[in-house]
N, C-alpha and C. Protein backbone atom coordinates (compact mmCIF):
# COMPACT_ATOMS: atom_id res chain seq x y z
N MET A 1 94.33 88.01 79.27
CA MET A 1 94.89 89.15 79.97
C MET A 1 94.16 89.29 81.31
N ARG A 2 94.93 89.42 82.34
CA ARG A 2 94.38 89.51 83.69
C ARG A 2 94.01 90.96 84.03
N PRO A 3 92.83 91.17 84.62
CA PRO A 3 92.48 92.56 85.00
C PRO A 3 93.37 93.05 86.12
N ARG A 4 93.70 94.28 86.06
CA ARG A 4 94.53 94.89 87.10
C ARG A 4 93.64 95.50 88.17
N HIS A 5 94.00 95.25 89.39
CA HIS A 5 93.27 95.85 90.50
C HIS A 5 94.09 97.02 91.02
N ARG A 6 93.48 98.16 91.00
CA ARG A 6 94.17 99.34 91.54
C ARG A 6 93.87 99.47 93.01
N ARG A 7 94.88 99.80 93.76
CA ARG A 7 94.68 100.03 95.19
C ARG A 7 94.02 101.38 95.37
N GLU A 8 93.12 101.43 96.33
CA GLU A 8 92.46 102.69 96.63
C GLU A 8 93.41 103.58 97.40
N SER A 9 93.39 104.84 97.09
CA SER A 9 94.17 105.78 97.87
C SER A 9 93.39 106.13 99.13
N ALA A 10 94.07 106.71 100.09
CA ALA A 10 93.40 107.13 101.33
C ALA A 10 92.30 108.14 101.01
N LEU A 11 92.55 109.01 100.06
CA LEU A 11 91.55 110.01 99.68
C LEU A 11 90.32 109.34 99.09
N GLN A 12 90.51 108.34 98.24
CA GLN A 12 89.37 107.63 97.67
C GLN A 12 88.55 106.94 98.76
N ARG A 13 89.22 106.30 99.71
CA ARG A 13 88.52 105.63 100.81
C ARG A 13 87.70 106.62 101.61
N GLU A 14 88.29 107.78 101.92
CA GLU A 14 87.57 108.78 102.69
C GLU A 14 86.38 109.34 101.92
N LEU A 15 86.55 109.57 100.64
CA LEU A 15 85.44 110.07 99.83
C LEU A 15 84.31 109.05 99.75
N LEU A 16 84.66 107.79 99.56
CA LEU A 16 83.64 106.75 99.51
C LEU A 16 82.91 106.63 100.84
N ALA A 17 83.64 106.73 101.94
CA ALA A 17 83.01 106.66 103.26
C ALA A 17 82.09 107.86 103.46
N PHE A 18 82.51 109.02 102.99
CA PHE A 18 81.70 110.23 103.12
C PHE A 18 80.42 110.14 102.29
N LEU A 19 80.51 109.56 101.11
CA LEU A 19 79.37 109.48 100.20
C LEU A 19 78.44 108.31 100.51
N ARG A 20 78.91 107.36 101.30
CA ARG A 20 78.08 106.20 101.64
C ARG A 20 76.89 106.66 102.49
N PRO A 21 75.70 106.21 102.15
CA PRO A 21 74.54 106.61 102.96
C PRO A 21 74.65 106.02 104.37
N PRO A 22 74.17 106.73 105.37
CA PRO A 22 74.24 106.23 106.74
C PRO A 22 73.37 104.98 106.93
N VAL A 23 73.91 104.05 107.69
CA VAL A 23 73.19 102.82 108.01
C VAL A 23 73.06 102.78 109.53
N PRO A 24 71.85 103.03 110.06
CA PRO A 24 71.68 103.12 111.51
C PRO A 24 72.17 101.89 112.28
N ARG A 25 71.93 100.70 111.77
CA ARG A 25 72.37 99.49 112.47
C ARG A 25 73.89 99.41 112.52
N LEU A 26 74.54 99.84 111.45
CA LEU A 26 76.00 99.84 111.42
C LEU A 26 76.54 100.89 112.38
N ALA A 27 75.93 102.06 112.39
CA ALA A 27 76.40 103.15 113.26
C ALA A 27 76.24 102.81 114.73
N ALA A 28 75.34 101.92 115.06
CA ALA A 28 75.11 101.54 116.45
C ALA A 28 76.15 100.54 116.96
N GLN A 29 76.93 99.95 116.08
CA GLN A 29 77.94 98.97 116.49
C GLN A 29 79.10 99.67 117.20
N VAL A 30 79.59 99.01 118.22
CA VAL A 30 80.70 99.56 119.01
C VAL A 30 81.92 99.81 118.13
N SER A 31 82.19 98.90 117.21
CA SER A 31 83.37 99.06 116.34
C SER A 31 83.28 100.33 115.51
N GLU A 32 82.09 100.65 115.03
CA GLU A 32 81.92 101.86 114.24
C GLU A 32 82.01 103.12 115.10
N GLN A 33 81.51 103.04 116.31
CA GLN A 33 81.59 104.19 117.21
C GLN A 33 83.03 104.46 117.63
N ALA A 34 83.82 103.41 117.78
CA ALA A 34 85.21 103.56 118.21
C ALA A 34 86.16 103.86 117.06
N ARG A 35 85.74 103.62 115.83
CA ARG A 35 86.63 103.74 114.67
C ARG A 35 87.38 105.08 114.59
N PRO A 36 86.73 106.23 114.73
CA PRO A 36 87.49 107.49 114.61
C PRO A 36 88.58 107.63 115.68
N ARG A 37 88.26 107.24 116.90
CA ARG A 37 89.25 107.34 117.99
C ARG A 37 90.40 106.36 117.77
N LEU A 38 90.09 105.15 117.29
CA LEU A 38 91.14 104.17 117.03
C LEU A 38 92.07 104.65 115.91
N ALA A 39 91.49 105.24 114.87
CA ALA A 39 92.31 105.77 113.77
C ALA A 39 93.21 106.89 114.26
N GLU A 40 92.70 107.75 115.14
CA GLU A 40 93.50 108.83 115.71
C GLU A 40 94.65 108.27 116.54
N ILE A 41 94.38 107.25 117.33
CA ILE A 41 95.44 106.62 118.12
C ILE A 41 96.49 106.02 117.19
N GLY A 42 96.06 105.42 116.09
CA GLY A 42 97.00 104.88 115.12
C GLY A 42 97.94 105.94 114.57
N ARG A 43 97.40 107.14 114.36
CA ARG A 43 98.25 108.24 113.85
C ARG A 43 99.13 108.83 114.95
N SER A 44 98.54 109.10 116.10
CA SER A 44 99.26 109.83 117.15
C SER A 44 100.23 108.97 117.94
N HIS A 45 100.04 107.66 117.94
CA HIS A 45 100.89 106.79 118.75
C HIS A 45 101.88 105.96 117.93
N ALA A 46 102.04 106.29 116.66
CA ALA A 46 102.98 105.55 115.82
C ALA A 46 104.38 105.55 116.44
N HIS A 47 104.98 104.39 116.44
CA HIS A 47 106.36 104.17 116.95
C HIS A 47 106.48 104.28 118.46
N ARG A 48 105.39 104.41 119.16
CA ARG A 48 105.45 104.36 120.63
C ARG A 48 105.44 102.90 121.06
N PRO A 49 105.86 102.62 122.29
CA PRO A 49 105.86 101.22 122.76
C PRO A 49 104.46 100.60 122.71
N ALA A 50 104.41 99.33 122.34
CA ALA A 50 103.13 98.64 122.18
C ALA A 50 102.31 98.66 123.47
N ALA A 51 102.97 98.57 124.62
CA ALA A 51 102.24 98.58 125.89
C ALA A 51 101.49 99.90 126.08
N GLU A 52 102.11 101.00 125.70
CA GLU A 52 101.48 102.32 125.81
C GLU A 52 100.31 102.44 124.82
N VAL A 53 100.50 101.93 123.62
CA VAL A 53 99.46 101.97 122.60
C VAL A 53 98.27 101.11 123.04
N LEU A 54 98.56 99.95 123.62
CA LEU A 54 97.51 99.04 124.06
C LEU A 54 96.59 99.71 125.09
N VAL A 55 97.16 100.44 126.02
CA VAL A 55 96.37 101.14 127.04
C VAL A 55 95.43 102.14 126.36
N ALA A 56 95.94 102.88 125.38
CA ALA A 56 95.11 103.87 124.68
C ALA A 56 94.00 103.20 123.88
N LEU A 57 94.31 102.08 123.23
CA LEU A 57 93.30 101.36 122.44
C LEU A 57 92.19 100.82 123.35
N GLU A 58 92.58 100.24 124.48
CA GLU A 58 91.58 99.72 125.41
C GLU A 58 90.67 100.85 125.92
N ALA A 59 91.26 101.98 126.23
CA ALA A 59 90.47 103.12 126.72
C ALA A 59 89.49 103.60 125.65
N ALA A 60 89.91 103.59 124.40
CA ALA A 60 89.02 104.02 123.31
C ALA A 60 87.83 103.08 123.17
N VAL A 61 88.07 101.79 123.29
CA VAL A 61 86.98 100.82 123.17
C VAL A 61 86.02 100.95 124.36
N ARG A 62 86.57 101.11 125.54
CA ARG A 62 85.73 101.25 126.73
C ARG A 62 84.92 102.55 126.70
N SER A 63 85.47 103.59 126.08
CA SER A 63 84.79 104.89 126.05
C SER A 63 83.47 104.85 125.29
N VAL A 64 83.29 103.86 124.43
CA VAL A 64 82.03 103.73 123.69
C VAL A 64 81.21 102.55 124.20
N GLY A 65 81.59 102.05 125.37
CA GLY A 65 80.80 100.99 126.01
C GLY A 65 81.15 99.58 125.59
N GLY A 66 82.30 99.41 124.94
CA GLY A 66 82.70 98.08 124.50
C GLY A 66 83.60 97.37 125.49
N GLU A 67 83.74 96.08 125.31
CA GLU A 67 84.65 95.27 126.11
C GLU A 67 85.85 94.95 125.22
N PRO A 68 87.03 95.45 125.57
CA PRO A 68 88.21 95.26 124.71
C PRO A 68 88.60 93.79 124.54
N ASP A 69 88.96 93.42 123.35
CA ASP A 69 89.53 92.11 123.05
C ASP A 69 91.04 92.28 123.12
N ARG A 70 91.62 91.87 124.23
CA ARG A 70 93.03 92.14 124.49
C ARG A 70 93.95 91.51 123.44
N VAL A 71 93.61 90.33 122.95
CA VAL A 71 94.46 89.67 121.95
C VAL A 71 94.50 90.49 120.66
N ALA A 72 93.33 90.89 120.18
CA ALA A 72 93.26 91.67 118.94
C ALA A 72 93.93 93.03 119.12
N LEU A 73 93.67 93.68 120.25
CA LEU A 73 94.25 95.01 120.48
C LEU A 73 95.76 94.93 120.64
N THR A 74 96.27 93.83 121.17
CA THR A 74 97.73 93.66 121.28
C THR A 74 98.35 93.59 119.89
N GLU A 75 97.70 92.87 118.98
CA GLU A 75 98.20 92.80 117.60
C GLU A 75 98.18 94.18 116.94
N PHE A 76 97.09 94.91 117.14
CA PHE A 76 97.01 96.27 116.58
C PHE A 76 98.09 97.16 117.19
N ALA A 77 98.32 97.04 118.50
CA ALA A 77 99.33 97.86 119.17
C ALA A 77 100.72 97.58 118.60
N GLU A 78 101.00 96.33 118.29
CA GLU A 78 102.30 95.98 117.70
C GLU A 78 102.45 96.57 116.30
N GLN A 79 101.36 96.57 115.55
CA GLN A 79 101.40 97.19 114.22
C GLN A 79 101.64 98.69 114.31
N ILE A 80 100.97 99.33 115.26
CA ILE A 80 101.13 100.77 115.43
C ILE A 80 102.55 101.08 115.91
N GLU A 81 103.08 100.26 116.79
CA GLU A 81 104.47 100.45 117.23
C GLU A 81 105.43 100.38 116.05
N ALA A 82 105.12 99.53 115.06
CA ALA A 82 105.95 99.39 113.87
C ALA A 82 105.73 100.53 112.86
N GLY A 83 104.78 101.42 113.15
CA GLY A 83 104.55 102.57 112.27
C GLY A 83 103.38 102.39 111.32
N GLU A 84 102.67 101.27 111.41
CA GLU A 84 101.51 101.04 110.55
C GLU A 84 100.26 101.52 111.27
N ASN A 85 99.24 101.87 110.52
CA ASN A 85 97.97 102.25 111.13
C ASN A 85 96.89 101.31 110.58
N PRO A 86 96.55 100.26 111.35
CA PRO A 86 95.56 99.31 110.86
C PRO A 86 94.16 99.88 110.76
N PHE A 87 93.93 101.07 111.29
CA PHE A 87 92.61 101.67 111.31
C PHE A 87 92.44 102.75 110.25
N ALA A 88 93.46 102.97 109.44
CA ALA A 88 93.40 104.03 108.42
C ALA A 88 92.69 103.56 107.18
């Protein structure tokens, strides 16, 4: 009999993130600093044109001192245009 893997709900993910002890080295990473803003863009820009979403994603990465990876952000922008939130 194969074990069943249950998918985590959004609530479970948020609770686990909340309960996870802080890791200073992780918190110092640009990706972690940008994560809340990127998730917000994923929610607020759903179904908007990918070009508009891309501009917002690049601005979010730059706001925390990062250098945007245009190829990766273009893929994320296309997902957000389709109504998905890759940062949730």
